């Protein structure tokens, strides 16, 4: 059994994450999803962010294996620029987006661009699981200790849900309580609002199939169109892309 509040990776597990991040950063995009109006990010920054995310995925897999006897297949494939894996993990039909932040961060952030991108492909995740990755700020390097911060379902990622405090954080806004400006539009949920009951989450995913209507009727953060409306035809997809681009252009002109 591992403690969800202190999942410890072996040196070998950490090195696998480091090697993956170093190589994949050379082939992946150096800008945020769809944010062509910002300066490209250095390879080192892309590598660090990739490393944080992969460490979170490995910690999640270790937690599932050790505590629940559940295996998930981690993807260490290197994809060409502009291509990505379908999802981070899957359990009984539940697609899971595993997210990580360096220790000290306290918000789960989900980019609107990524939601839009996944919605166009009809591959929205059902669950968003968050991990805090232990980090030595002096050396700017992970310390192998990871904590499970909680999870939310896709239902929480919208404006003003009636059961959770989901913030709309616009590009250029500061992450609350920090001096860090966002380079993209996000939904943000503070850690204390996340569901901490990992036992209950695993039990639900094992015993039930996800309600596909939640994904089908999910309202796009930019246009408020549902997934079914967006993917109904190639023409509807084209129109949606044009609408999103126009909305972003109008927002840019106002700032």
C-alpha atoms as a PDB file:
ATOM      1  CA  UNK A   1       0.000   0.000   0.000  1.00  0.00           C
ATOM      2  CA  UNK A   2       1.143   3.522  -0.699  1.00  0.00           C
ATOM      3  CA  UNK A   3       0.045   6.686   1.058  1.00  0.00           C
ATOM      4  CA  UNK A   4      -1.892   8.846  -1.459  1.00  0.00           C
ATOM      5  CA  UNK A   5      -0.441  11.891   0.286  1.00  0.00           C
ATOM      6  CA  UNK A   6       3.133  10.664  -0.209  1.00  0.00           C
ATOM      7  CA  UNK A   7       3.594   8.498  -3.291  1.00  0.00           C
ATOM      8  CA  UNK A   8       7.323   7.890  -3.708  1.00  0.00           C
ATOM      9  CA  UNK A   9       8.796   7.075  -7.107  1.00  0.00           C
ATOM     10  CA  UNK A  10      11.903   4.935  -7.379  1.00  0.00           C
ATOM     11  CA  UNK A  11      15.004   6.512  -8.961  1.00  0.00           C
ATOM     12  CA  UNK A  12      14.375   4.283 -11.990  1.00  0.00           C
ATOM     13  CA  UNK A  13      10.785   5.506 -12.349  1.00  0.00           C
ATOM     14  CA  UNK A  14      11.891   9.125 -12.091  1.00  0.00           C
ATOM     15  CA  UNK A  15      14.673   8.620 -14.652  1.00  0.00           C
ATOM     16  CA  UNK A  16      12.168   7.124 -17.084  1.00  0.00           C
ATOM     17  CA  UNK A  17      10.063  10.284 -16.745  1.00  0.00           C
ATOM     18  CA  UNK A  18      13.111  12.525 -17.174  1.00  0.00           C
ATOM     19  CA  UNK A  19      14.254  10.713 -20.309  1.00  0.00           C
ATOM     20  CA  UNK A  20      10.763  10.846 -21.797  1.00  0.00           C
ATOM     21  CA  UNK A  21      10.378  14.570 -21.114  1.00  0.00           C
ATOM     22  CA  UNK A  22      13.789  15.397 -22.565  1.00  0.00           C
ATOM     23  CA  UNK A  23      13.096  13.609 -25.844  1.00  0.00           C
ATOM     24  CA  UNK A  24       9.418  14.474 -26.287  1.00  0.00           C
ATOM     25  CA  UNK A  25      10.018  18.193 -25.673  1.00  0.00           C
ATOM     26  CA  UNK A  26      12.000  18.311 -28.922  1.00  0.00           C
ATOM     27  CA  UNK A  27       9.018  17.129 -30.977  1.00  0.00           C
ATOM     28  CA  UNK A  28       6.086  18.772 -29.228  1.00  0.00           C
ATOM     29  CA  UNK A  29       4.718  22.252 -29.740  1.00  0.00           C
ATOM     30  CA  UNK A  30       6.424  25.173 -28.055  1.00  0.00           C
ATOM     31  CA  UNK A  31       3.197  27.170 -27.612  1.00  0.00           C
ATOM     32  CA  UNK A  32       0.054  26.503 -25.628  1.00  0.00           C
ATOM     33  CA  UNK A  33      -2.855  24.806 -27.387  1.00  0.00           C
ATOM     34  CA  UNK A  34      -3.890  27.214 -30.147  1.00  0.00           C
ATOM     35  CA  UNK A  35      -2.110  30.229 -28.617  1.00  0.00           C
ATOM     36  CA  UNK A  36      -0.297  31.455 -31.730  1.00  0.00           C
ATOM     37  CA  UNK A  37      -0.163  35.047 -30.467  1.00  0.00           C
ATOM     38  CA  UNK A  38       2.337  34.365 -27.688  1.00  0.00           C
ATOM     39  CA  UNK A  39       6.086  33.839 -27.809  1.00  0.00           C
ATOM     40  CA  UNK A  40       7.258  30.226 -28.224  1.00  0.00           C
ATOM     41  CA  UNK A  41       8.351  28.583 -25.002  1.00  0.00           C
ATOM     42  CA  UNK A  42      11.958  27.418 -24.545  1.00  0.00           C
ATOM     43  CA  UNK A  43      12.542  23.678 -24.925  1.00  0.00           C
ATOM     44  CA  UNK A  44      13.646  23.557 -21.286  1.00  0.00           C
ATOM     45  CA  UNK A  45      10.273  24.900 -20.146  1.00  0.00           C
ATOM     46  CA  UNK A  46       8.370  22.449 -22.351  1.00  0.00           C
ATOM     47  CA  UNK A  47      10.528  19.623 -20.979  1.00  0.00           C
ATOM     48  CA  UNK A  48       9.900  20.672 -17.355  1.00  0.00           C
ATOM     49  CA  UNK A  49       6.128  20.850 -17.841  1.00  0.00           C
ATOM     50  CA  UNK A  50       6.143  17.487 -19.635  1.00  0.00           C
ATOM     51  CA  UNK A  51       8.194  16.010 -16.782  1.00  0.00           C
ATOM     52  CA  UNK A  52       5.734  17.240 -14.150  1.00  0.00           C
ATOM     53  CA  UNK A  53       2.816  15.730 -16.067  1.00  0.00           C
ATOM     54  CA  UNK A  54       4.538  12.388 -16.644  1.00  0.00           C
ATOM     55  CA  UNK A  55       5.571  12.105 -12.985  1.00  0.00           C
ATOM     56  CA  UNK A  56       1.906  12.626 -12.047  1.00  0.00           C
ATOM     57  CA  UNK A  57       0.843   9.856 -14.456  1.00  0.00           C
ATOM     58  CA  UNK A  58       3.415   7.414 -13.050  1.00  0.00           C
ATOM     59  CA  UNK A  59       2.340   8.269  -9.488  1.00  0.00           C
ATOM     60  CA  UNK A  60      -1.305   7.630 -10.418  1.00  0.00           C
ATOM     61  CA  UNK A  61      -0.417   4.283 -11.990  1.00  0.00           C
ATOM     62  CA  UNK A  62       1.579   3.318  -8.911  1.00  0.00           C
ATOM     63  CA  UNK A  63      -1.280   4.287  -6.587  1.00  0.00           C
ATOM     64  CA  UNK A  64      -3.757   2.242  -8.632  1.00  0.00           C
ATOM     65  CA  UNK A  65      -1.459  -0.795  -8.785  1.00  0.00           C
ATOM     66  CA  UNK A  66      -0.386  -0.842  -5.150  1.00  0.00           C
ATOM     67  CA  UNK A  67      -3.684   0.071  -3.469  1.00  0.00           C
ATOM     68  CA  UNK A  68      -6.367  -1.249  -5.825  1.00  0.00           C
ATOM     69  CA  UNK A  69      -4.745  -3.917  -8.005  1.00  0.00           C
ATOM     70  CA  UNK A  70      -5.768  -1.906 -11.051  1.00  0.00           C
ATOM     71  CA  UNK A  71      -3.395  -1.618 -13.974  1.00  0.00           C
ATOM     72  CA  UNK A  72      -3.322   1.229 -16.474  1.00  0.00           C
ATOM     73  CA  UNK A  73      -1.122   1.405 -19.526  1.00  0.00           C
ATOM     74  CA  UNK A  74       1.162   4.425 -19.485  1.00  0.00           C
ATOM     75  CA  UNK A  75       2.099   5.968 -22.811  1.00  0.00           C
ATOM     76  CA  UNK A  76       5.801   6.705 -23.234  1.00  0.00           C
ATOM     77  CA  UNK A  77       5.556   7.008 -27.012  1.00  0.00           C
ATOM     78  CA  UNK A  78       7.114  10.035 -28.668  1.00  0.00           C
ATOM     79  CA  UNK A  79       4.625  11.679 -31.023  1.00  0.00           C
ATOM     80  CA  UNK A  80       5.337  13.948 -33.996  1.00  0.00           C
ATOM     81  CA  UNK A  81       4.768  17.660 -33.515  1.00  0.00           C
ATOM     82  CA  UNK A  82       1.060  18.444 -33.212  1.00  0.00           C
ATOM     83  CA  UNK A  83       0.024  14.876 -32.301  1.00  0.00           C
ATOM     84  CA  UNK A  84      -0.935  13.697 -28.818  1.00  0.00           C
ATOM     85  CA  UNK A  85      -2.096  10.619 -26.960  1.00  0.00           C
ATOM     86  CA  UNK A  86      -5.852  10.034 -26.710  1.00  0.00           C
ATOM     87  CA  UNK A  87      -5.896  10.286 -22.899  1.00  0.00           C
ATOM     88  CA  UNK A  88      -3.618   9.684 -19.922  1.00  0.00           C
ATOM     89  CA  UNK A  89      -5.423   6.682 -18.446  1.00  0.00           C
ATOM     90  CA  UNK A  90      -8.598   4.638 -18.850  1.00  0.00           C
ATOM     91  CA  UNK A  91     -10.532   2.477 -16.364  1.00  0.00           C
ATOM     92  CA  UNK A  92     -13.671   0.600 -17.419  1.00  0.00           C
ATOM     93  CA  UNK A  93     -14.425   3.127 -20.147  1.00  0.00           C
ATOM     94  CA  UNK A  94     -13.654   6.178 -17.992  1.00  0.00           C
ATOM     95  CA  UNK A  95     -11.098   8.389 -19.707  1.00  0.00           C
ATOM     96  CA  UNK A  96      -8.903  10.177 -17.187  1.00  0.00           C
ATOM     97  CA  UNK A  97      -6.827  13.321 -17.649  1.00  0.00           C
ATOM     98  CA  UNK A  98      -4.015  13.158 -15.083  1.00  0.00           C
ATOM     99  CA  UNK A  99      -2.677  16.599 -14.220  1.00  0.00           C
ATOM    100  CA  UNK A 100       0.276  17.704 -12.155  1.00  0.00           C
ATOM    101  CA  UNK A 101       1.710  20.880 -10.734  1.00  0.00           C
ATOM    102  CA  UNK A 102       4.866  21.603  -8.822  1.00  0.00           C
ATOM    103  CA  UNK A 103       4.528  21.471  -5.031  1.00  0.00           C
ATOM    104  CA  UNK A 104       3.171  24.824  -3.855  1.00  0.00           C
ATOM    105  CA  UNK A 105       0.604  25.157  -6.624  1.00  0.00           C
ATOM    106  CA  UNK A 106      -2.963  24.899  -5.385  1.00  0.00           C
ATOM    107  CA  UNK A 107      -5.188  25.067  -8.475  1.00  0.00           C
ATOM    108  CA  UNK A 108      -6.310  22.451 -10.949  1.00  0.00           C
ATOM    109  CA  UNK A 109      -6.218  24.248 -14.299  1.00  0.00           C
ATOM    110  CA  UNK A 110      -7.868  22.949 -17.460  1.00  0.00           C
ATOM    111  CA  UNK A 111      -7.232  24.930 -20.635  1.00  0.00           C
ATOM    112  CA  UNK A 112     -10.205  25.881 -22.774  1.00  0.00           C
ATOM    113  CA  UNK A 113      -8.102  25.240 -25.858  1.00  0.00           C
ATOM    114  CA  UNK A 114      -7.494  21.656 -24.773  1.00  0.00           C
ATOM    115  CA  UNK A 115     -11.179  21.113 -24.017  1.00  0.00           C
ATOM    116  CA  UNK A 116     -12.032  22.525 -27.440  1.00  0.00           C
ATOM    117  CA  UNK A 117      -9.408  20.362 -29.146  1.00  0.00           C
ATOM    118  CA  UNK A 118     -10.621  17.189 -27.402  1.00  0.00           C
ATOM    119  CA  UNK A 119     -14.261  18.036 -28.030  1.00  0.00           C
ATOM    120  CA  UNK A 120     -13.670  18.358 -31.781  1.00  0.00           C
ATOM    121  CA  UNK A 121     -12.227  14.848 -31.696  1.00  0.00           C
ATOM    122  CA  UNK A 122     -15.046  13.573 -29.428  1.00  0.00           C
ATOM    123  CA  UNK A 123     -12.433  12.526 -26.881  1.00  0.00           C
ATOM    124  CA  UNK A 124     -13.290  14.539 -23.783  1.00  0.00           C
ATOM    125  CA  UNK A 125     -12.026  13.077 -20.528  1.00  0.00           C
ATOM    126  CA  UNK A 126     -14.577  12.025 -17.923  1.00  0.00           C
ATOM    127  CA  UNK A 127     -12.296  12.532 -14.890  1.00  0.00           C
ATOM    128  CA  UNK A 128      -9.577  15.082 -14.116  1.00  0.00           C
ATOM    129  CA  UNK A 129      -7.212  13.809 -11.404  1.00  0.00           C
ATOM    130  CA  UNK A 130      -4.735  16.234  -9.838  1.00  0.00           C
ATOM    131  CA  UNK A 131      -1.340  15.584  -8.245  1.00  0.00           C
ATOM    132  CA  UNK A 132       1.137  17.834  -6.446  1.00  0.00           C
ATOM    133  CA  UNK A 133       4.667  16.938  -7.547  1.00  0.00           C
ATOM    134  CA  UNK A 134       7.361  17.381  -4.921  1.00  0.00           C
ATOM    135  CA  UNK A 135       9.912  19.890  -6.152  1.00  0.00           C
ATOM    136  CA  UNK A 136      13.175  21.372  -4.925  1.00  0.00           C
ATOM    137  CA  UNK A 137      12.870  25.044  -5.886  1.00  0.00           C
ATOM    138  CA  UNK A 138      16.591  25.635  -5.278  1.00  0.00           C
ATOM    139  CA  UNK A 139      17.698  23.062  -7.830  1.00  0.00           C
ATOM    140  CA  UNK A 140      14.491  23.256  -9.901  1.00  0.00           C
ATOM    141  CA  UNK A 141      14.271  19.472  -9.818  1.00  0.00           C
ATOM    142  CA  UNK A 142      11.711  16.881  -8.632  1.00  0.00           C
ATOM    143  CA  UNK A 143      12.301  15.086  -5.330  1.00  0.00           C
ATOM    144  CA  UNK A 144      10.358  11.839  -6.097  1.00  0.00           C
ATOM    145  CA  UNK A 145       7.497  12.585  -3.647  1.00  0.00           C
ATOM    146  CA  UNK A 146       4.001  13.139  -5.060  1.00  0.00           C
ATOM    147  CA  UNK A 147       0.670  13.823  -3.332  1.00  0.00           C
ATOM    148  CA  UNK A 148      -2.819  13.126  -4.656  1.00  0.00           C
ATOM    149  CA  UNK A 149      -4.681  16.452  -4.551  1.00  0.00           C
ATOM    150  CA  UNK A 150      -8.140  15.261  -5.635  1.00  0.00           C
ATOM    151  CA  UNK A 151     -10.325  14.956  -8.721  1.00  0.00           C
ATOM    152  CA  UNK A 152     -13.371  16.367 -10.484  1.00  0.00           C
ATOM    153  CA  UNK A 153     -15.600  15.150 -13.270  1.00  0.00           C
ATOM    154  CA  UNK A 154     -16.252  16.866 -16.572  1.00  0.00           C
ATOM    155  CA  UNK A 155     -19.487  18.254 -15.088  1.00  0.00           C
ATOM    156  CA  UNK A 156     -17.425  20.688 -12.963  1.00  0.00           C
ATOM    157  CA  UNK A 157     -15.759  22.319 -15.958  1.00  0.00           C
ATOM    158  CA  UNK A 158     -18.241  25.020 -16.801  1.00  0.00           C
ATOM    159  CA  UNK A 159     -19.222  28.479 -15.617  1.00  0.00           C
ATOM    160  CA  UNK A 160     -21.040  28.574 -12.278  1.00  0.00           C
ATOM    161  CA  UNK A 161     -21.719  24.890 -11.576  1.00  0.00           C
ATOM    162  CA  UNK A 162     -24.100  24.592  -8.650  1.00  0.00           C
ATOM    163  CA  UNK A 163     -21.954  22.297  -6.487  1.00  0.00           C
ATOM    164  CA  UNK A 164     -18.347  23.511  -6.815  1.00  0.00           C
ATOM    165  CA  UNK A 165     -16.503  26.807  -7.118  1.00  0.00           C
ATOM    166  CA  UNK A 166     -15.119  26.708 -10.660  1.00  0.00           C
ATOM    167  CA  UNK A 167     -13.345  29.900 -11.688  1.00  0.00           C
ATOM    168  CA  UNK A 168     -13.087  31.297 -15.204  1.00  0.00           C
ATOM    169  CA  UNK A 169      -9.481  32.444 -15.509  1.00  0.00           C
ATOM    170  CA  UNK A 170      -8.783  34.374 -18.674  1.00  0.00           C
ATOM    171  CA  UNK A 171      -5.540  34.661 -20.552  1.00  0.00           C
ATOM    172  CA  UNK A 172      -3.424  37.299 -18.803  1.00  0.00           C
ATOM    173  CA  UNK A 173      -5.117  36.791 -15.436  1.00  0.00           C
ATOM    174  CA  UNK A 174      -2.999  35.895 -12.446  1.00  0.00           C
ATOM    175  CA  UNK A 175      -3.479  32.469 -10.942  1.00  0.00           C
ATOM    176  CA  UNK A 176      -5.187  33.448  -7.664  1.00  0.00           C
ATOM    177  CA  UNK A 177      -2.727  33.971  -4.851  1.00  0.00           C
ATOM    178  CA  UNK A 178       0.304  33.994  -7.162  1.00  0.00           C
ATOM    179  CA  UNK A 179       2.293  36.312  -9.423  1.00  0.00           C
ATOM    180  CA  UNK A 180       1.970  33.896 -12.343  1.00  0.00           C
ATOM    181  CA  UNK A 181       0.052  35.100 -15.385  1.00  0.00           C
ATOM    182  CA  UNK A 182      -1.862  32.588 -17.488  1.00  0.00           C
ATOM    183  CA  UNK A 183      -0.960  32.245 -21.164  1.00  0.00           C
ATOM    184  CA  UNK A 184      -4.353  30.752 -22.043  1.00  0.00           C
ATOM    185  CA  UNK A 185      -7.995  30.720 -20.886  1.00  0.00           C
ATOM    186  CA  UNK A 186      -8.649  28.133 -18.172  1.00  0.00           C
ATOM    187  CA  UNK A 187     -11.164  26.735 -15.775  1.00  0.00           C
ATOM    188  CA  UNK A 188      -9.592  26.752 -12.331  1.00  0.00           C
ATOM    189  CA  UNK A 189     -10.574  24.815  -9.210  1.00  0.00           C
ATOM    190  CA  UNK A 190      -8.740  25.235  -5.929  1.00  0.00           C
ATOM    191  CA  UNK A 191      -7.398  22.065  -4.353  1.00  0.00           C
ATOM    192  CA  UNK A 192      -9.664  22.305  -1.299  1.00  0.00           C
ATOM    193  CA  UNK A 193     -12.716  22.032  -3.607  1.00  0.00           C
ATOM    194  CA  UNK A 194     -11.522  18.810  -5.261  1.00  0.00           C
ATOM    195  CA  UNK A 195     -12.973  15.424  -4.320  1.00  0.00           C
ATOM    196  CA  UNK A 196     -10.365  13.763  -2.101  1.00  0.00           C
ATOM    197  CA  UNK A 197     -12.136  10.392  -1.814  1.00  0.00           C
ATOM    198  CA  UNK A 198      -9.887   8.277  -4.027  1.00  0.00           C
ATOM    199  CA  UNK A 199     -11.450   5.041  -2.706  1.00  0.00           C
ATOM    200  CA  UNK A 200     -14.911   6.202  -3.763  1.00  0.00           C
ATOM    201  CA  UNK A 201     -13.656   7.384  -7.148  1.00  0.00           C
ATOM    202  CA  UNK A 202     -12.055   4.034  -7.958  1.00  0.00           C
ATOM    203  CA  UNK A 203     -15.151   2.163  -6.752  1.00  0.00           C
ATOM    204  CA  UNK A 204     -17.412   4.205  -9.038  1.00  0.00           C
ATOM    205  CA  UNK A 205     -15.160   3.729 -12.062  1.00  0.00           C
ATOM    206  CA  UNK A 206     -14.922  -0.018 -11.461  1.00  0.00           C
ATOM    207  CA  UNK A 207     -18.649  -0.579 -10.947  1.00  0.00           C
ATOM    208  CA  UNK A 208     -20.239   1.852 -13.413  1.00  0.00           C
ATOM    209  CA  UNK A 209     -19.718   2.900 -16.977  1.00  0.00           C
ATOM    210  CA  UNK A 210     -19.453   6.641 -17.649  1.00  0.00           C
ATOM    211  CA  UNK A 211     -22.601   8.486 -18.692  1.00  0.00           C
ATOM    212  CA  UNK A 212     -21.824   9.366 -22.306  1.00  0.00           C
ATOM    213  CA  UNK A 213     -24.557  11.998 -22.306  1.00  0.00           C
ATOM    214  CA  UNK A 214     -22.349  14.146 -20.070  1.00  0.00           C
ATOM    215  CA  UNK A 215     -19.748  14.276 -22.843  1.00  0.00           C
ATOM    216  CA  UNK A 216     -22.337  14.495 -25.614  1.00  0.00           C
ATOM    217  CA  UNK A 217     -24.067  17.494 -24.028  1.00  0.00           C
ATOM    218  CA  UNK A 218     -20.956  19.247 -22.742  1.00  0.00           C
ATOM    219  CA  UNK A 219     -21.081  22.956 -23.597  1.00  0.00           C
ATOM    220  CA  UNK A 220     -17.996  24.285 -25.354  1.00  0.00           C
ATOM    221  CA  UNK A 221     -16.358  27.035 -23.259  1.00  0.00           C
ATOM    222  CA  UNK A 222     -16.079  29.383 -26.249  1.00  0.00           C
ATOM    223  CA  UNK A 223     -19.295  28.866 -28.216  1.00  0.00           C
ATOM    224  CA  UNK A 224     -21.517  26.926 -25.745  1.00  0.00           C
ATOM    225  CA  UNK A 225     -22.277  24.416 -28.501  1.00  0.00           C
ATOM    226  CA  UNK A 226     -22.657  20.822 -27.338  1.00  0.00           C
ATOM    227  CA  UNK A 227     -20.297  18.090 -28.459  1.00  0.00           C
ATOM    228  CA  UNK A 228     -23.025  16.513 -30.592  1.00  0.00           C
ATOM    229  CA  UNK A 229     -23.702  19.840 -32.277  1.00  0.00           C
ATOM    230  CA  UNK A 230     -20.026  20.379 -33.037  1.00  0.00           C
ATOM    231  CA  UNK A 231     -19.269  16.910 -34.421  1.00  0.00           C
ATOM    232  CA  UNK A 232     -22.551  16.361 -36.309  1.00  0.00           C
ATOM    233  CA  UNK A 233     -20.815  16.941 -39.650  1.00  0.00           C
ATOM    234  CA  UNK A 234     -17.563  18.139 -41.157  1.00  0.00           C
ATOM    235  CA  UNK A 235     -19.310  21.385 -42.018  1.00  0.00           C
ATOM    236  CA  UNK A 236     -20.389  21.930 -38.402  1.00  0.00           C
ATOM    237  CA  UNK A 237     -16.804  21.306 -37.279  1.00  0.00           C
ATOM    238  CA  UNK A 238     -15.540  23.852 -39.795  1.00  0.00           C
ATOM    239  CA  UNK A 239     -18.081  26.434 -38.667  1.00  0.00           C
ATOM    240  CA  UNK A 240     -17.177  25.808 -35.037  1.00  0.00           C
ATOM    241  CA  UNK A 241     -13.465  26.353 -35.697  1.00  0.00           C
ATOM    242  CA  UNK A 242     -14.247  29.614 -37.495  1.00  0.00           C
ATOM    243  CA  UNK A 243     -16.451  30.771 -34.602  1.00  0.00           C
ATOM    244  CA  UNK A 244     -13.776  30.010 -32.022  1.00  0.00           C
ATOM    245  CA  UNK A 245     -11.117  31.825 -34.032  1.00  0.00           C
ATOM    246  CA  UNK A 246     -13.399  34.843 -34.394  1.00  0.00           C
ATOM    247  CA  UNK A 247     -14.195  34.873 -30.667  1.00  0.00           C
ATOM    248  CA  UNK A 248     -10.484  34.749 -29.791  1.00  0.00           C
ATOM    249  CA  UNK A 249      -9.702  37.539 -32.272  1.00  0.00           C
ATOM    250  CA  UNK A 250     -12.412  39.747 -30.798  1.00  0.00           C
ATOM    251  CA  UNK A 251     -11.088  39.116 -27.276  1.00  0.00           C
ATOM    252  CA  UNK A 252      -7.562  39.989 -28.387  1.00  0.00           C
ATOM    253  CA  UNK A 253      -8.707  43.297 -29.893  1.00  0.00           C
ATOM    254  CA  UNK A 254     -10.318  44.263 -26.586  1.00  0.00           C
ATOM    255  CA  UNK A 255      -7.152  43.698 -24.571  1.00  0.00           C
END
